[in-house]
């Protein structure tokens, strides 16, 4: 897992998440990352999803649990 951390070496931590997300909302180069940015917004602002009706969109994040289990604890 730690093998890929070097990719983030040149990225500074956000000092103002709200401002950063406001900038990305209008940048055309981020359009293809709309769903990913929605997930980042959810996690970074410590929001949670609840079943309710309204105008907000909710996305799901599904993992193949058998593959996760096997990759963490091996095949026996």
Protein backbone atom coordinates (compact mmCIF):
# COMPACT_ATOMS: atom_id res chain seq x y z
CA UNK A 1 0.00 0.00 0.00
CA UNK A 2 2.75 2.48 0.86
CA UNK A 3 4.32 1.97 -2.56
CA UNK A 4 2.19 4.67 -4.19
CA UNK A 5 2.48 7.44 -1.58
CA UNK A 6 5.29 9.10 -3.59
CA UNK A 7 2.66 10.14 -6.14
CA UNK A 8 1.28 12.60 -3.57
CA UNK A 9 4.65 14.06 -2.47
CA UNK A 10 4.15 17.32 -4.36
CA UNK A 11 0.54 17.85 -3.26
CA UNK A 12 0.01 20.18 -0.32
CA UNK A 13 -2.79 19.62 2.16
CA UNK A 14 -5.79 21.88 1.68
CA UNK A 15 -5.99 24.84 4.02
CA UNK A 16 -9.60 25.64 3.05
CA UNK A 17 -11.65 22.74 1.69
CA UNK A 18 -14.70 24.92 0.97
CA UNK A 19 -12.70 27.31 -1.23
CA UNK A 20 -10.98 24.45 -3.03
CA UNK A 21 -14.28 22.76 -3.85
CA UNK A 22 -15.81 26.07 -4.95
CA UNK A 23 -12.96 26.51 -7.45
CA UNK A 24 -13.34 22.99 -8.84
CA UNK A 25 -17.10 23.32 -9.28
CA UNK A 26 -16.70 25.78 -12.13
CA UNK A 27 -13.49 24.49 -13.74
CA UNK A 28 -14.24 22.75 -17.02
CA UNK A 29 -11.17 20.53 -16.71
CA UNK A 30 -12.77 18.84 -13.68
CA UNK A 31 -16.05 17.87 -15.39
CA UNK A 32 -14.98 14.29 -15.99
CA UNK A 33 -14.15 14.00 -12.29
CA UNK A 34 -17.57 15.15 -11.11
CA UNK A 35 -18.47 11.87 -9.39
CA UNK A 36 -15.03 11.52 -7.83
CA UNK A 37 -15.19 15.09 -6.51
CA UNK A 38 -18.61 14.32 -5.01
CA UNK A 39 -17.06 11.41 -3.08
CA UNK A 40 -14.12 13.56 -1.97
CA UNK A 41 -16.56 16.22 -0.79
CA UNK A 42 -18.48 13.60 1.17
CA UNK A 43 -15.40 12.24 2.93
CA UNK A 44 -13.43 15.44 3.45
CA UNK A 45 -16.36 17.35 4.91
CA UNK A 46 -17.33 14.32 7.00
CA UNK A 47 -20.81 14.13 5.57
CA UNK A 48 -22.91 10.99 5.57
CA UNK A 49 -25.69 9.58 3.42
CA UNK A 50 -29.18 9.00 4.72
CA UNK A 51 -32.21 7.71 2.85
CA UNK A 52 -34.44 10.73 2.25
CA UNK A 53 -36.08 12.46 -0.65
CA UNK A 54 -34.88 15.72 -2.05
CA UNK A 55 -32.76 17.25 -4.77
CA UNK A 56 -29.41 15.90 -3.57
CA UNK A 57 -27.84 12.99 -5.39
CA UNK A 58 -26.45 10.01 -3.55
CA UNK A 59 -23.85 7.68 -5.02
CA UNK A 60 -22.90 4.21 -3.96
CA UNK A 61 -19.46 2.80 -3.49
CA UNK A 62 -19.41 -0.98 -3.73
CA UNK A 63 -16.52 -3.37 -3.23
CA UNK A 64 -16.25 -7.07 -4.05
CA UNK A 65 -15.95 -8.18 -0.44
CA UNK A 66 -14.53 -11.62 -1.23
CA UNK A 67 -11.61 -10.00 -3.09
CA UNK A 68 -10.98 -7.52 -0.27
CA UNK A 69 -11.03 -10.27 2.32
CA UNK A 70 -8.67 -12.47 0.32
CA UNK A 71 -6.26 -9.61 -0.40
CA UNK A 72 -6.09 -8.68 3.30
CA UNK A 73 -6.01 -12.13 4.90
CA UNK A 74 -4.91 -14.44 2.11
CA UNK A 75 -6.54 -17.58 0.80
CA UNK A 76 -6.20 -19.67 3.87
